[in-house]
Amino acid sequence: VQLVESGGGLVQAGGSLRLSCAASGFIFEDYAISWFRQAPGKEREGISCISGSGGSTNYAGSVKGRFTISRDNTKNTVYLQMNSLKPEDTAVYYCHARGINTDYVYWGQGTQVTVSS
């Protein structure tokens, strides 16, 4: 089982990035996928999630209206489009998979996002 994040990097405030999470080793559509982030010295926080079918999404208040989560089940990939980035969005971003009908949980290794002011 693998979750591999990509797309992180350094961007100026107001800019955009698109993160990808490529999954393998499990039945992708049977898992809800979430994005978490962890800033230095802070706890890991969930910022967005999407249902297995992609028909339901949720966002934390801190990113609502700026970030968009989506998934392509034909490519076993989830995306996080991040617009209007702020310095406080600087963190390591993690992909998380949770079985809809099981207790299985998987994490990716994370990708660094740095937003300069």
Protein backbone atom coordinates (compact mmCIF):
# COMPACT_ATOMS: atom_id res chain seq x y z
CA VAL A 1 0.00 0.00 0.00
CA GLN A 2 1.31 3.42 -0.95
CA LEU A 3 0.15 7.00 -0.83
CA VAL A 4 2.57 9.32 -2.57
CA GLU A 5 2.11 13.06 -2.36
CA SER A 6 3.59 15.48 -4.85
CA GLY A 7 3.24 19.08 -5.96
CA GLY A 8 4.55 20.88 -2.91
CA GLY A 9 7.07 23.68 -3.13
CA LEU A 10 7.80 27.32 -2.48
CA VAL A 11 5.26 29.92 -3.59
CA GLN A 12 4.62 33.57 -2.85
CA ALA A 13 1.60 34.68 -0.89
CA GLY A 14 -1.41 34.87 -3.16
CA GLY A 15 -0.11 32.13 -5.40
CA SER A 16 -1.42 28.64 -6.12
CA LEU A 17 -0.26 25.07 -5.93
CA ARG A 18 -1.89 21.76 -6.77
CA LEU A 19 -1.03 18.78 -4.63
CA SER A 20 -1.54 15.23 -5.84
CA CYS A 21 -1.85 12.02 -3.88
CA ALA A 22 -1.32 8.87 -5.91
CA ALA A 23 -2.57 5.66 -4.31
CA SER A 24 -1.75 2.03 -4.94
CA GLY A 25 -2.24 -1.31 -3.28
CA PHE A 26 -5.88 -0.98 -2.23
CA ILE A 27 -9.33 -0.49 -3.76
CA PHE A 28 -9.21 3.27 -4.11
CA GLU A 29 -12.92 4.02 -4.37
CA ASP A 30 -13.55 2.14 -1.11
CA TYR A 31 -11.61 4.78 0.78
CA ALA A 32 -12.37 8.32 1.82
CA ILE A 33 -9.32 10.51 1.31
CA SER A 34 -8.32 13.44 3.45
CA TRP A 35 -5.61 16.03 3.41
CA PHE A 36 -3.96 16.94 6.69
CA ARG A 37 -1.22 19.44 7.37
CA GLN A 38 1.27 20.03 10.13
CA ALA A 39 3.05 23.30 10.66
CA PRO A 40 6.23 23.52 12.77
CA GLY A 41 5.39 23.32 16.45
CA LYS A 42 1.72 22.64 15.80
CA GLU A 43 -0.50 19.59 15.83
CA ARG A 44 -1.51 17.87 12.61
CA GLU A 45 -4.88 19.17 11.45
CA GLY A 46 -7.37 17.86 8.94
CA ILE A 47 -8.19 20.40 6.28
CA SER A 48 -10.26 18.60 3.68
CA CYS A 49 -11.79 15.25 2.85
CA ILE A 50 -13.62 13.63 -0.02
CA SER A 51 -15.84 10.58 -0.12
CA GLY A 52 -15.02 7.46 -2.09
CA SER A 53 -17.22 8.46 -4.99
CA GLY A 54 -16.12 12.08 -4.86
CA GLY A 55 -19.68 13.23 -4.35
CA SER A 56 -19.14 14.65 -0.88
CA THR A 57 -16.44 17.03 0.29
CA ASN A 58 -15.65 18.94 3.46
CA TYR A 59 -13.25 21.71 4.37
CA ALA A 60 -11.83 23.28 7.48
CA GLY A 61 -12.79 26.87 7.98
CA SER A 62 -9.21 27.99 7.50
CA VAL A 63 -9.13 26.80 3.88
CA LYS A 64 -12.77 26.93 2.80
CA GLY A 65 -13.21 28.99 -0.31
CA ARG A 66 -9.52 28.81 -1.19
CA PHE A 67 -8.81 25.07 -1.45
CA THR A 68 -10.62 22.49 -3.58
CA ILE A 69 -10.34 18.75 -3.16
CA SER A 70 -11.13 16.37 -6.01
CA ARG A 71 -10.42 12.81 -7.03
CA ASP A 72 -10.05 10.78 -10.19
CA ASN A 73 -10.85 7.18 -9.38
CA THR A 74 -9.67 6.09 -12.84
CA LYS A 75 -6.20 7.31 -11.90
CA ASN A 76 -6.31 6.45 -8.18
CA THR A 77 -5.39 10.02 -7.44
CA VAL A 78 -6.70 12.80 -5.23
CA TYR A 79 -5.90 16.44 -5.80
CA LEU A 80 -5.85 19.51 -3.60
CA GLN A 81 -5.99 22.77 -5.53
CA MET A 82 -4.75 25.54 -3.25
CA ASN A 83 -5.39 29.13 -4.27
CA SER A 84 -4.80 32.46 -2.54
CA LEU A 85 -2.10 30.89 -0.42
CA LYS A 86 -1.07 32.59 2.79
CA PRO A 87 2.12 32.31 4.86
CA GLU A 88 0.08 30.51 7.52
CA ASP A 89 -0.57 27.72 5.01
CA THR A 90 3.10 26.77 5.31
CA ALA A 91 3.21 23.16 6.51
CA VAL A 92 3.88 19.59 5.54
CA TYR A 93 0.78 18.29 3.77
CA TYR A 94 -0.20 14.65 4.21
CA CYS A 95 -2.58 12.42 2.34
CA HIS A 96 -4.71 10.06 4.46
CA ALA A 97 -6.92 7.17 3.36
CA ARG A 98 -9.62 5.68 5.57
CA GLY A 99 -11.63 2.61 4.64
CA ILE A 100 -15.34 3.33 4.28
CA ASN A 101 -16.36 -0.12 5.49
CA THR A 102 -13.16 -1.13 7.28
CA ASP A 103 -10.85 0.23 9.95
CA TYR A 104 -7.87 0.44 7.63
CA VAL A 105 -6.02 3.75 7.62
CA TYR A 106 -3.03 4.74 5.50
CA TRP A 107 -0.80 7.81 5.48
CA GLY A 108 1.52 9.27 2.91
CA GLN A 109 4.97 10.63 3.68
CA GLY A 110 4.03 14.26 3.17
CA THR A 111 5.03 17.10 0.90
CA GLN A 112 6.33 20.47 2.05
CA VAL A 113 4.46 23.63 1.15
CA THR A 114 6.13 26.93 1.94
CA VAL A 115 4.39 30.24 1.34
CA SER A 116 6.57 33.34 1.50
CA SER A 117 5.21 36.75 2.41
